[in-house]
Amino acid sequence: MRIWTGRAGSGKTTAILREIAARCESGGGRQILLVPELNSHRMERSLAAATDNRGARTAEVLTFSRLADRVFSEVGGLAQQMLTPAGQLLTLQEAARRVQGGLSVWGGLADKPELLGEALGVVDECKTCAVAPEALFAAAETCRDTALAAKLSDLAQLLTAYERLCDESLPDPRDRLTHLRDRLAESHVLDGAAVYLDGFLGFTPQELAVVDAVLAAGVPLAAAVACDMAYPEIFVTGCKTVKTLERMAKRHNRKAERIELGASRVARPAGLAAVEAQGLLPVRVPQESCEGVRLYAAASPFDECEHAAAYIRRKVRDEGARYRDFVVAARDIEPYSAFLAMAMARYDVPVFLAEKPDLLSRPPMALVTGALNAAQSYFKYEDLFGCLKTGLMHLTREESDKLENYALTWNIRGGAWEREWAEHPDGYGQPFDDRARAQLAELNALRARLIGPFSTLRERLKGEQPASGCVRALYDFLLAVDAPRCMADRAAAHEAAGRLQLADEYRQLWEILVSAMEQFAWVCGDTPLTAERFAKLFRLVLGEYDVGTIPVSLDRVTCGNIERACGENAKYVILLGVNDGLIPKAPSSASLLSDMERDKLDALGVELKAYGVERLLMEQETLYRALACPTEELLLTWHMSDAAGGETRPSYFVGVVRGLLPDVLFSTHQTETAQDRLQAERPAVEMACAYLSGDRTAAVRAAYGFYRDDERVHHAAQQRRGRGPLTSPHTIEGLYGKSLNLTASRVDTFYSCRFAFFMQYGLKARPRRVARFDALETGTFIHYVLEHALTALGKGAGGAAAAEEAAVRRACRTAVRQYVQEELGGMENKTARFRYLFGRLTRTVEQILDNVIDELRVSDFAPIDYEVDFSRGGDLPPVLCAEGEVSVSLSGKVDRVDGYIKNGRLYLRVMDYKSGKKSFSLSDIWYGLNMQLVIYLYALQQEGLERYRKRLTQTFNEIVPAGVLYVPVRDELPDAARDIDEDALRALRDKALRRSGLLSDDMELLEAMEHGLEGDGRFIPVTIKVKKGEDAPSLAAKSAVADLVRFGKLARYAHDKLLEMGRELRAGSVAANPCKKDKASSFCDWCDFRAACRFDETAGDKTRWLRHLSDEEFWQQVGGE
């Protein structure tokens, strides 16, 4: 046996290839070059080059797996079906179930799927390290640690049962090397051959057993081991491997010749060569030249990736490098994978990420796990719509959105999915017209299409079902929702978009799912499983699979873990995450056997994988692979804070390099980030846009100078100038129509924030709302009851004012019953909580109706109209405002109109029911808010004469404004002592229900509104005072009154504000300018469109402070007296 040793690049592989080539030339028989799986393709190319493509007949590259295939094809067993990783997990679960009665430590393992993966890892170690159950039983017998002895006994029983199951069904693929060792002597594969081993850092006990069998067969053997025997503390595995091979040679009476090639012979810059040669030595000699090494301190892991991308771009552009010349490695690439993908895409750097993808996060697997969860949770919202949002079902995205809106609105859960839906698609208080009925019919059809497969799956998984039946139910579900076609379509879409690696992955996923189901059915057979257990086990099974992908083009940057990415030399290596705890990597303790227990096992002669100190020493070897990989430059990066913002430190190795190379090029994110972003178009354009925000740093100026005429910069500049205005008359007309049709709520929204108006009434965006009987629906209900009850009472003798208490109660309850039937569809399907709260609300509306009746009993004003509709085809035409080319119309309804006839005049008072705490304010009107009552009052004056002459028996010649009032219709709970009497409590409630508004200052009209006025009015917002020495009462200054001239000016001002709104809309105003009345709150606080708005004062958005105007200030502003 000859063993070549030496550092990476010392010529070991070259020596083997030369010898193989020479033997091929001289006809020296067959040569087999045995290499690790990862190296096989590269070594095939190297062998072909070494033999000038003439060695194919006598020399070949094999791996242990391919050697097993050769042997089994000759002696039998090649076609034998094997357990997949999923099958191994399920077989272990079945083994645990069979022996659970005899297990003392792991007795519940079969019922704990979350522990099965860890248990499988221990079983895998036993297989790989050739530890038989008998050895574990023997160790348990002699072990003095009773807890460890119990674990070993459990493990031995588990392994025995597992192997017995494998013998009964499918063999474990991890036993193939054991079978290869046993049957190698029966084969002629090695007859007349010489075997060479290369590329192995070390061998597992199973692999060593095969090597031992090769030696036993008398086959010439040579090996190349990457190690420096002078430094066994650095090359732990390599040195250990050399000594093991030498012992094996001695055991077979062979001479072991060690050929030490020493240092690396690869030509490298001086600094890079020094790091490879001395970087891991205990004593180092500082070097003058630092060529070939760079250090970079990044702000974050993403900053590391961004710097790596910029570094690659520089080298490709300035030095003519190819993307395939670069390797980006990390000790653990998984935390970096998302950042790398983003950064490389941002800098237009093509990459191949050599990592194991998380299959469970892929949409096809999410569909499967979500469906199983939905079946056991009885259609929980998150599970059901998690499946829909994978996009791999038979419903379109639009159809899914419609279902989700309804489900959220009506809180659809469980059995409600299987029943016909009957509620209004838009929630409470909406008219059930033909459009709504058509929507509901469509939703029910979609509901049936969606829930059918889920219901079938749930039914077939009820109780305990055979595992094979569970698998069949899942398979039928996937066919029912058309998952295979959807997955094929997704793969085609990825391919068309150039995402070839994803397309390749999707094409494999259906096969993986089918394979997992086949293995599950094969291994578990008729084992009874509940839906919950099946879901947990199947999720574990899917987690055991891997997707194999290859680079979709040759010229790509390779990214991966050090072990995978640094297998051969590359010109440039970027090592990410050179942080404390990452390099060297802290040993993992995720195992059912602790390091202390493994130490005791070692003493008992049971040797498993490396652990503890040995594992930590092996980290040096892994780091050496990264240091030996580059031939031109090594870039070491680390981050100062992690992805969560926590502070981190650089690895000790950073200090080593800075000590070895005192003048090494060291940069930080503070100095490099700006320059990095100039290396690619997308980040450079973003920097150019930063110029518009006032950034005048050199890099930003350079970017702006180059990209100032770029369309993207122009677009950013447009955004900096604020939102809008919309410049296309065609677009504005498309959003708002040819004529501007407004309502009171639209006007209030516009004057609260232009952008909110644009979102709600221009784009027709709507927030998702849960159907609740909230303040809005409560107000609708109270309006309905008051209108219908007062109308009914008004038909009696003397009108509503003369109605007795019992009649008032009957009218109220009749109106409530009508509302329940017409608007709520009855109470049959309502919850007990809803019925209780609705009962409380009914008592509240009775108290409010009593208050309204009490007012009418002391007033000459009486209701003469309800729900007056100002609209085309309504009771009265909409209010029109026109000036020049601007014309707007205001539509809406007035809750109640009260009238009083005197001296041939009809005095009108407009009443608006308010369930909230809004009160009438002239200051609000100044800012364009709450103007509708004033506008409607004057519209009634101009348009209502004919209407009310027909409705009223008394004659009159003109209509005169008497006022506008907000009527509070909410349940007020005033602060009061517990022992307060009923009259005092009623007085407090009356005070809270006192109207707000603006009334005529005519004392006779005020007396007509509320008889016996004295002091503060009980119902109307006036206060009467009597001055000393005067008999006639007068109005206090705080009374909310105005003369007819002021009423006219008020109406004119409201008219002008509507025209102002019309002009702004036609000019395309969409500014985000929310109003704010105080520091505590603003319109933004309850705006439905905050997520779309993203208010930003630096982008030109502005808050409008609405300073409160006193009534006198308001009258002065609109024209004084």
Foldseek 3Di string as FASTA:
>chain_A
DEEEEAAPQLCLVVVVLLVLLVCQVVVQAAEEEEEAPLCQVVVQVVNCVSNVNSCPVRYHYHYLVVVLLVLCVFVHDNPADAFALLLLLLLLLVLLVVCLVVADPCNCVNVDSVCSVQLSVVLLLCLQQVPALVLLQVLLVPDPPVVLSSVSPNNSSSNVSSCVLCVVFPHHPSCSLVVCLVRVLVDCPQPSYAYEYELDLAGTNSVVSNVLSCVVSVHHYYYYHYDDCVCCLQSVRRNVRLVVVCVSCVVSVHHYHYHYSYHRPFAFPPLLSQCLVPLPPPDFDADADNAFEEEEAEAELLRLLLLVLLVVLCCCVPVVDFQLLEAEAFQACVVNVVSNVVNCVLFVAFADEPDWDQVCPQLVNLLLLLLLVCLVQQRDPCSLVSNVVSQQFQDHPVLSVLLNLQCQQAVDGHCSLVDQDDAFSVFFDDACDPVRVVSSVSNRVSSCLRCVLSVQLSVQQADWFFQLSNLVSSVVSCVSRVRVVSLLVVLVVCVVVVVNQVSQQSVCVVVLSVSSSVSRCSSRPGPIDHSVSSSSSSSVSSSSDTGDGDDPDSRHHYYYYLVSRLSAAHAEYEYEAQFVCRQLPDFDQSHPAGPVSQVSVVVSVNHGDDDDPSVSSVSSVSVSSRSSRHRYHYYYYHHQAYPVRHGTGGHVSVVSSCRNHVPHHYYYCVPPVLVSLVSHDSSLLVLCLVVLLVDDDPSSVVSVVVCVVPPVSVVSNVLLQFDDQDDDLVLLCQQQNPAHEAEQVLLQQCLQWLQLSCVCRRVVDDFRHHRDCDLVVLLVLLLQLLVQLQVVQQVDVPGLLPDDLVSSLVSSVVSNVVCCCRGVVHCPPPDPVVVVVVVVSSVLSSVLSVLVSVLVNQAQWDWQDAFQWADVVGNHDFCWFDDDPFIYTYTGTFGTWIWHDDPQEIEIETEAEDQDQDADALLCVVSRHPLVRLQVQVVCQVTVPVVVVVRDPDGHDGYAYFWYKYFHRYRDDDDDDPPDDPVVRVQRVLVSRAIHTEGAQPPVNVCNSGPPAAAADSHYQWGWDADPPGDDIHTDPRRRYDHRVLSVLSNVSSSVSVRVSRVCSSNRDNGGAGEDADPPDTPLVPRPCCVVCVDDVSSPHYYHHSYGDDPQRSCVVSPHD
